[in-house]
Amino acid sequence: MSDLAILGRILPATPPAAMERVRALEAQVRELPQVQIPTDHVIHAGLYARTICIPAGVILTGAEIACATLLVFDGHAAVTIGDTTQELAGRHVLPASAGRKQAFLALADTHLTMLFATDATDVATAEAQFTSEPDALMSRAPDAINTITITGD
């Protein structure tokens, strides 16, 4: 039997001081003109997947994530990871820990898909499972553009 190895990157929980820096950036970004970012939601086979595209040049701060997820990253961006900022380019499938809040500066159009196991049968329930701040999600804004697929499988 072979030993298990962790290869590549992992998105750890955000340390408290880094969390405060992301929240401070979030407050500054709120003062800038806002870009509408459509959200594609899929609930299927006990999974919730949420996909967005951050246009090049846009800064986005995410909600605090309360559960472990997978994050599929496809693009080029500066990303807060733990207490550092790193540049990611290309396609990455990243195990991501609970307790993280991240900021992204898209250097090119960047697609993000977050997935996690759920028993939710609607988007609002799934959103409430992955964050304690669901009302701050762009998908909850009055002018939000959401595409929803719920299969029942």
Protein backbone atom coordinates (compact mmCIF):
# COMPACT_ATOMS: atom_id res chain seq x y z
CA MET A 1 0.00 0.00 0.00
CA SER A 2 1.32 3.43 -0.87
CA ASP A 3 1.43 6.40 1.48
CA LEU A 4 -1.02 9.23 0.90
CA ALA A 5 0.57 12.46 -0.22
CA ILE A 6 -0.79 15.97 -0.57
CA LEU A 7 0.38 17.36 -3.88
CA GLY A 8 -0.09 20.92 -5.09
CA ARG A 9 -1.81 23.73 -3.28
CA ILE A 10 -4.40 23.76 -0.53
CA LEU A 11 -6.47 26.75 0.60
CA PRO A 12 -6.16 26.87 4.41
CA ALA A 13 -8.38 28.66 6.89
CA THR A 14 -7.68 32.39 6.99
CA PRO A 15 -5.81 33.46 10.15
CA PRO A 16 -7.54 36.20 12.20
CA ALA A 17 -5.16 39.03 11.21
CA ALA A 18 -5.46 38.13 7.52
CA MET A 19 -9.26 37.89 7.90
CA GLU A 20 -9.29 41.48 9.17
CA ARG A 21 -7.17 42.64 6.22
CA VAL A 22 -9.61 41.01 3.77
CA ARG A 23 -12.55 42.62 5.60
CA ALA A 24 -10.82 46.04 5.43
CA LEU A 25 -10.23 45.56 1.69
CA GLU A 26 -13.87 44.53 1.33
CA ALA A 27 -14.99 47.82 2.92
CA GLN A 28 -12.80 49.77 0.47
CA VAL A 29 -14.01 47.78 -2.55
CA ARG A 30 -17.63 48.45 -1.55
CA GLU A 31 -16.96 52.15 -2.23
CA LEU A 32 -15.90 51.46 -5.85
CA PRO A 33 -18.32 51.10 -8.76
CA GLN A 34 -19.73 47.57 -8.55
CA VAL A 35 -19.53 45.01 -11.35
CA GLN A 36 -22.42 42.61 -11.75
CA ILE A 37 -21.16 39.02 -11.63
CA PRO A 38 -23.68 36.34 -12.61
CA THR A 39 -23.79 33.16 -10.53
CA ASP A 40 -24.49 29.70 -11.91
CA HIS A 41 -25.88 27.35 -9.24
CA VAL A 42 -26.21 23.57 -9.62
CA ILE A 43 -27.62 21.16 -7.03
CA HIS A 44 -27.16 17.56 -8.15
CA ALA A 45 -26.32 14.20 -6.56
CA GLY A 46 -25.78 15.61 -3.08
CA LEU A 47 -23.48 18.39 -4.31
CA TYR A 48 -23.85 22.14 -4.63
CA ALA A 49 -21.69 23.87 -7.25
CA ARG A 50 -21.50 27.64 -7.54
CA THR A 51 -19.67 29.21 -10.50
CA ILE A 52 -18.75 32.83 -11.17
CA CYS A 53 -16.43 34.61 -13.60
CA ILE A 54 -14.43 37.53 -12.26
CA PRO A 55 -13.65 39.83 -15.21
CA ALA A 56 -10.05 40.93 -15.73
CA GLY A 57 -9.19 43.96 -13.60
CA VAL A 58 -11.90 43.33 -10.99
CA ILE A 59 -11.23 42.95 -7.26
CA LEU A 60 -13.62 40.61 -5.48
CA THR A 61 -13.80 39.59 -1.84
CA GLY A 62 -15.68 36.42 -1.04
CA ALA A 63 -17.95 35.55 1.83
CA GLU A 64 -16.45 33.76 4.81
CA ILE A 65 -16.71 30.06 3.99
CA ALA A 66 -17.97 27.91 6.87
CA CYS A 67 -17.40 24.41 5.46
CA ALA A 68 -14.71 22.52 3.61
CA THR A 69 -15.12 22.78 -0.17
CA LEU A 70 -13.34 22.17 -3.43
CA LEU A 71 -12.48 25.25 -5.44
CA VAL A 72 -11.92 24.89 -9.17
CA PHE A 73 -9.87 27.89 -10.30
CA ASP A 74 -9.41 28.63 -14.00
CA GLY A 75 -7.76 31.90 -14.96
CA HIS A 76 -5.08 34.26 -13.70
CA ALA A 77 -5.42 36.17 -10.42
CA ALA A 78 -3.69 37.38 -7.30
CA VAL A 79 -5.37 35.47 -4.46
CA THR A 80 -5.15 35.72 -0.70
CA ILE A 81 -4.22 32.28 0.58
CA GLY A 82 -3.88 31.99 4.35
CA ASP A 83 -1.89 35.03 5.39
CA THR A 84 -0.18 35.61 2.03
CA THR A 85 -1.13 36.71 -1.46
CA GLN A 86 -0.12 34.42 -4.31
CA GLU A 87 -0.53 34.59 -8.05
CA LEU A 88 -2.37 31.64 -9.56
CA ALA A 89 -2.52 30.99 -13.29
CA GLY A 90 -4.10 28.15 -15.22
CA ARG A 91 -6.50 25.54 -13.95
CA HIS A 92 -6.34 24.23 -10.39
CA VAL A 93 -8.61 21.96 -8.36
CA LEU A 94 -7.96 23.03 -4.79
CA PRO A 95 -9.05 21.44 -1.52
CA ALA A 96 -10.23 24.39 0.54
CA SER A 97 -10.65 24.48 4.31
CA ALA A 98 -13.52 25.91 6.32
CA GLY A 99 -12.93 29.30 7.93
CA ARG A 100 -11.53 31.11 4.95
CA LYS A 101 -12.29 34.49 3.41
CA GLN A 102 -10.39 35.40 0.29
CA ALA A 103 -9.74 38.34 -1.98
CA PHE A 104 -9.11 38.01 -5.71
CA LEU A 105 -7.65 40.49 -8.19
CA ALA A 106 -8.37 39.02 -11.62
CA LEU A 107 -5.43 39.58 -13.96
CA ALA A 108 -7.42 37.83 -16.71
CA ASP A 109 -11.01 36.60 -16.76
CA THR A 110 -11.06 34.05 -13.94
CA HIS A 111 -13.68 31.35 -13.41
CA LEU A 112 -14.26 29.97 -9.91
CA THR A 113 -16.43 26.97 -9.09
CA MET A 114 -16.93 26.08 -5.43
CA LEU A 115 -18.38 22.65 -4.61
CA PHE A 116 -19.44 20.96 -1.40
CA ALA A 117 -21.57 18.06 -0.25
CA THR A 118 -25.07 19.10 0.80
CA ASP A 119 -28.55 17.85 1.56
CA ALA A 120 -30.01 21.18 0.37
CA THR A 121 -32.74 21.11 -2.24
CA ASP A 122 -32.72 24.86 -2.91
CA VAL A 123 -30.08 27.54 -3.39
CA ALA A 124 -30.96 29.62 -0.32
CA THR A 125 -30.44 26.60 1.96
CA ALA A 126 -27.16 25.68 0.27
CA GLU A 127 -25.91 29.28 0.60
CA ALA A 128 -26.81 29.30 4.30
CA GLN A 129 -24.84 26.07 4.75
CA PHE A 130 -21.59 27.36 3.28
CA THR A 131 -21.52 30.85 4.84
CA SER A 132 -22.73 32.68 7.92
CA GLU A 133 -23.17 35.79 5.76
CA PRO A 134 -25.53 34.64 2.98
CA ASP A 135 -27.27 38.02 2.75
CA ALA A 136 -23.95 39.59 1.66
CA LEU A 137 -23.67 37.28 -1.36
CA MET A 138 -23.88 38.93 -4.78
CA SER A 139 -26.37 36.22 -5.75
CA ARG A 140 -28.79 37.69 -3.18
CA ALA A 141 -28.65 41.27 -4.52
CA PRO A 142 -31.92 42.61 -5.96
CA ASP A 143 -30.39 42.88 -9.44
CA ALA A 144 -28.50 39.56 -9.26
CA ILE A 145 -28.27 37.34 -12.31
CA ASN A 146 -28.62 33.71 -11.24
CA THR A 147 -28.87 30.57 -13.33
CA ILE A 148 -30.20 27.68 -11.25
CA THR A 149 -30.21 23.97 -12.07
CA ILE A 150 -31.69 21.58 -9.50
CA THR A 151 -32.02 18.02 -10.76
CA GLY A 152 -33.58 16.20 -7.83
CA ASP A 153 -31.03 13.39 -8.26
